[in-house]
Amino acid sequence: MNLHDSTRTLHLGPQPAAAKGALILLHGRGADAEDIIGLADHFPVQDLAVFAPQATQNSWYPQRFFVPLEENEPWLSNAIGLVEGLVAEIHAAGIPYGKIGIAGFSQGGCLALEYAMRHPRAYGLVAGMSSALVGPPKLTRSPADLGGVPVLVACATHDAHIPLPLVEESIATLKASGADLTSQIFRGYDHTIFPEEIDWLSTRLAGWT
């Protein structure tokens, strides 16, 4: 049963077979694909295929990201499967994993980070903006080797949706899994995408074209 409909995915730019790379953007809870794909306006993506899948009912999974995993099933596994299907299509079109980026904001960022941990490959980048790994504190995870993938984890110190201790735990887990980890912790309460996150993504995407 597919809870999330891959046919609702939005696309900007060339088809993957003609592109120099691809970027998958994952929206947050309550937002939609049209919201997050607008972020591409801030990146050097003229030669990249940009995709933004749409979550059913505008949510990738129903509960908070830090509840026991089973409370977010089968929605979470379906969301991860949707991303995996999109990555597989992009790669089959001839784009190497090293030029596929997966980035998301809030719930979408949590999904991006969790996807990378469950499907570790030599991606071009993975970014979780105002995000952390999915699951309760001190979760025992299967080993993953991210092999130096550039990973961004960013959040505000007092973000009401993303507790800082879980962000810090996610940073430690991703580092231990071999990610080339950049952490950006911003003072304040804002649950938003910060200019520094845009800069991090833009710098890496620019190297693909």
Protein backbone atom coordinates (compact mmCIF):
# COMPACT_ATOMS: atom_id res chain seq x y z
CA MET A 1 0.00 0.00 0.00
CA ASN A 2 1.48 3.33 -1.09
CA LEU A 3 0.33 6.06 1.28
CA HIS A 4 2.27 8.77 -0.59
CA ASP A 5 1.61 9.28 -4.32
CA SER A 6 4.83 9.62 -6.33
CA THR A 7 2.87 10.89 -9.36
CA ARG A 8 2.30 14.18 -7.50
CA THR A 9 6.03 14.97 -7.55
CA LEU A 10 6.88 18.39 -9.01
CA HIS A 11 9.84 18.80 -11.37
CA LEU A 12 11.92 21.79 -12.46
CA GLY A 13 14.78 21.94 -14.93
CA PRO A 14 16.02 19.37 -17.44
CA GLN A 15 15.08 15.72 -17.38
CA PRO A 16 17.61 13.64 -15.43
CA ALA A 17 19.09 12.13 -18.61
CA ALA A 18 20.08 15.64 -19.73
CA ALA A 19 20.97 17.07 -16.32
CA LYS A 20 24.34 17.44 -14.59
CA GLY A 21 22.86 16.43 -11.25
CA ALA A 22 19.63 16.24 -9.30
CA LEU A 23 18.23 17.75 -6.11
CA ILE A 24 15.31 16.29 -4.17
CA LEU A 25 13.53 18.77 -1.88
CA LEU A 26 11.25 17.50 0.91
CA HIS A 27 8.62 19.80 2.40
CA GLY A 28 7.67 20.13 6.04
CA ARG A 29 4.46 19.18 7.84
CA GLY A 30 1.53 21.31 6.72
CA ALA A 31 3.41 22.60 3.67
CA ASP A 32 3.52 21.13 0.19
CA ALA A 33 5.73 20.40 -2.79
CA GLU A 34 5.00 23.79 -4.35
CA ASP A 35 6.28 25.53 -1.22
CA ILE A 36 9.59 23.70 -1.04
CA ILE A 37 10.36 23.68 -4.76
CA GLY A 38 10.39 27.48 -4.60
CA LEU A 39 13.58 27.12 -2.57
CA ALA A 40 15.33 26.18 -5.82
CA ASP A 41 15.17 29.86 -6.82
CA HIS A 42 17.97 30.47 -4.32
CA PHE A 43 20.33 27.78 -5.70
CA PRO A 44 22.48 27.46 -8.84
CA VAL A 45 20.29 24.74 -10.34
CA GLN A 46 19.97 25.78 -13.99
CA ASP A 47 21.61 22.51 -15.12
CA LEU A 48 20.08 20.34 -12.41
CA ALA A 49 16.88 18.31 -12.29
CA VAL A 50 14.95 19.40 -9.21
CA PHE A 51 12.20 17.25 -7.72
CA ALA A 52 9.75 17.90 -4.88
CA PRO A 53 7.48 14.98 -3.93
CA GLN A 54 4.16 15.61 -2.19
CA ALA A 55 3.17 13.98 1.09
CA THR A 56 -0.38 12.72 1.54
CA GLN A 57 -2.35 15.19 3.68
CA ASN A 58 0.78 17.37 3.70
CA SER A 59 2.49 15.16 6.25
CA TRP A 60 5.14 12.48 5.80
CA TYR A 61 4.20 10.80 9.08
CA PRO A 62 1.48 11.58 11.63
CA GLN A 63 3.23 11.99 14.99
CA ARG A 64 6.22 13.99 16.27
CA PHE A 65 9.57 12.82 14.93
CA PHE A 66 10.84 11.63 18.33
CA VAL A 67 8.03 9.23 19.29
CA PRO A 68 8.65 5.45 19.11
CA LEU A 69 9.11 4.53 15.47
CA GLU A 70 6.07 2.24 15.34
CA GLU A 71 3.80 5.19 16.10
CA ASN A 72 4.73 6.73 12.75
CA GLU A 73 4.28 3.56 10.73
CA PRO A 74 3.44 2.69 8.03
CA TRP A 75 3.67 6.35 6.96
CA LEU A 76 7.38 6.74 7.65
CA SER A 77 8.40 3.62 5.76
CA ASN A 78 6.20 4.67 2.85
CA ALA A 79 7.84 8.11 2.79
CA ILE A 80 11.31 6.57 2.83
CA GLY A 81 10.23 4.23 0.05
CA LEU A 82 8.99 7.15 -2.05
CA VAL A 83 12.38 8.89 -1.75
CA GLU A 84 14.19 5.64 -2.56
CA GLY A 85 12.07 5.18 -5.67
CA LEU A 86 12.85 8.71 -6.83
CA VAL A 87 16.58 8.25 -6.20
CA ALA A 88 16.48 4.98 -8.13
CA GLU A 89 14.79 6.64 -11.11
CA ILE A 90 17.31 9.49 -11.14
CA HIS A 91 20.26 7.12 -10.90
CA ALA A 92 18.85 4.85 -13.63
CA ALA A 93 18.70 7.90 -15.91
CA GLY A 94 22.47 8.22 -15.64
CA ILE A 95 23.10 10.59 -12.72
CA PRO A 96 25.68 9.20 -10.29
CA TYR A 97 24.85 9.14 -6.59
CA GLY A 98 27.61 11.70 -6.08
CA LYS A 99 25.50 14.27 -7.90
CA ILE A 100 22.20 13.52 -6.19
CA GLY A 101 21.30 15.79 -3.28
CA ILE A 102 18.51 15.22 -0.75
CA ALA A 103 17.46 18.20 1.35
CA GLY A 104 14.44 19.01 3.44
CA PHE A 105 13.02 21.42 5.97
CA SER A 106 11.48 20.46 9.34
CA GLN A 107 9.64 17.14 8.92
CA GLY A 108 11.07 16.89 5.40
CA GLY A 109 14.57 17.43 6.76
CA CYS A 110 14.05 14.70 9.33
CA LEU A 111 12.98 12.44 6.47
CA ALA A 112 16.07 13.35 4.44
CA LEU A 113 18.44 12.51 7.29
CA GLU A 114 16.61 9.30 8.18
CA TYR A 115 16.54 8.20 4.54
CA ALA A 116 20.30 8.64 4.24
CA MET A 117 20.92 6.57 7.37
CA ARG A 118 18.71 3.75 6.08
CA HIS A 119 20.04 3.89 2.51
CA PRO A 120 23.68 4.96 2.92
CA ARG A 121 25.39 5.75 -0.38
CA ALA A 122 27.94 8.26 -1.66
CA TYR A 123 25.36 11.01 -2.21
CA GLY A 124 26.37 14.48 -3.31
CA LEU A 125 24.83 15.98 -0.18
CA VAL A 126 22.15 15.49 2.45
CA ALA A 127 20.67 18.42 4.37
CA GLY A 128 18.28 18.53 7.29
CA MET A 129 17.21 22.12 7.96
CA SER A 130 15.53 22.61 11.34
CA SER A 131 15.67 18.84 11.62
CA ALA A 132 17.04 15.75 13.34
CA LEU A 133 17.00 12.00 12.80
CA VAL A 134 13.63 10.29 13.28
CA GLY A 135 13.12 8.24 16.40
CA PRO A 136 13.15 8.47 20.20
CA PRO A 137 16.23 9.48 22.21
CA LYS A 138 19.00 6.88 22.53
CA LEU A 139 17.55 4.78 19.72
CA THR A 140 19.71 1.76 18.84
CA ARG A 141 20.31 1.95 15.10
CA SER A 142 21.64 -0.47 12.52
CA PRO A 143 25.22 0.45 11.52
CA ALA A 144 25.50 2.74 8.51
CA ASP A 145 28.55 3.88 6.55
CA LEU A 146 27.97 7.28 4.97
CA GLY A 147 31.53 7.31 3.65
CA GLY A 148 32.21 11.03 3.80
CA VAL A 149 28.90 12.26 2.38
CA PRO A 150 28.50 16.02 3.05
CA VAL A 151 25.68 16.27 5.58
CA LEU A 152 24.18 19.42 7.05
CA VAL A 153 22.21 19.40 10.31
CA ALA A 154 20.91 22.81 11.34
CA CYS A 155 18.48 24.19 13.91
CA ALA A 156 17.81 27.06 16.29
CA THR A 157 18.68 26.62 19.96
CA HIS A 158 15.08 27.04 21.13
CA ASP A 159 13.13 25.67 18.18
CA ALA A 160 9.80 24.57 19.66
CA HIS A 161 9.46 21.72 17.16
CA ILE A 162 13.00 20.26 17.22
CA PRO A 163 14.52 19.83 20.72
CA LEU A 164 18.21 20.75 20.68
CA PRO A 165 19.37 17.64 22.61
CA LEU A 166 17.95 15.46 19.81
CA VAL A 167 19.69 17.60 17.20
CA GLU A 168 22.97 17.14 19.07
CA GLU A 169 22.37 13.39 19.36
CA SER A 170 21.70 13.22 15.61
CA ILE A 171 24.91 15.12 14.87
CA ALA A 172 26.88 12.62 16.94
CA THR A 173 25.17 9.64 15.26
CA LEU A 174 25.81 10.96 11.75
CA LYS A 175 29.45 11.75 12.55
CA ALA A 176 29.92 8.25 13.92
CA SER A 177 28.42 6.91 10.69
CA GLY A 178 31.13 8.58 8.62
CA ALA A 179 29.32 11.70 7.41
CA ASP A 180 31.32 14.81 6.55
CA LEU A 181 29.13 16.64 9.03
CA THR A 182 28.44 20.37 9.17
CA SER A 183 26.34 21.54 12.11
CA GLN A 184 24.78 24.99 12.21
CA ILE A 185 23.15 25.91 15.51
CA PHE A 186 21.53 29.34 15.53
CA ARG A 187 20.58 31.35 18.60
CA GLY A 188 16.90 31.98 19.05
CA TYR A 189 13.48 30.45 18.52
CA ASP A 190 13.05 30.59 14.76
CA HIS A 191 11.76 27.53 12.95
CA THR A 192 12.92 28.57 9.51
CA ILE A 193 15.54 28.19 6.79
CA PHE A 194 18.55 30.39 7.57
CA PRO A 195 20.78 32.15 5.00
CA GLU A 196 23.75 30.08 6.16
CA GLU A 197 21.92 26.90 5.16
CA ILE A 198 21.21 28.35 1.70
CA ASP A 199 24.90 29.21 1.38
CA TRP A 200 25.99 25.68 2.37
CA LEU A 201 23.74 24.10 -0.22
CA SER A 202 24.56 26.65 -2.94
CA THR A 203 28.30 26.17 -2.53
CA ARG A 204 28.06 22.42 -3.00
CA LEU A 205 25.54 22.50 -5.81
CA ALA A 206 27.65 24.99 -7.72
CA GLY A 207 30.41 22.39 -7.93
CA TRP A 208 28.16 20.01 -9.88
CA THR A 209 27.60 22.27 -12.91
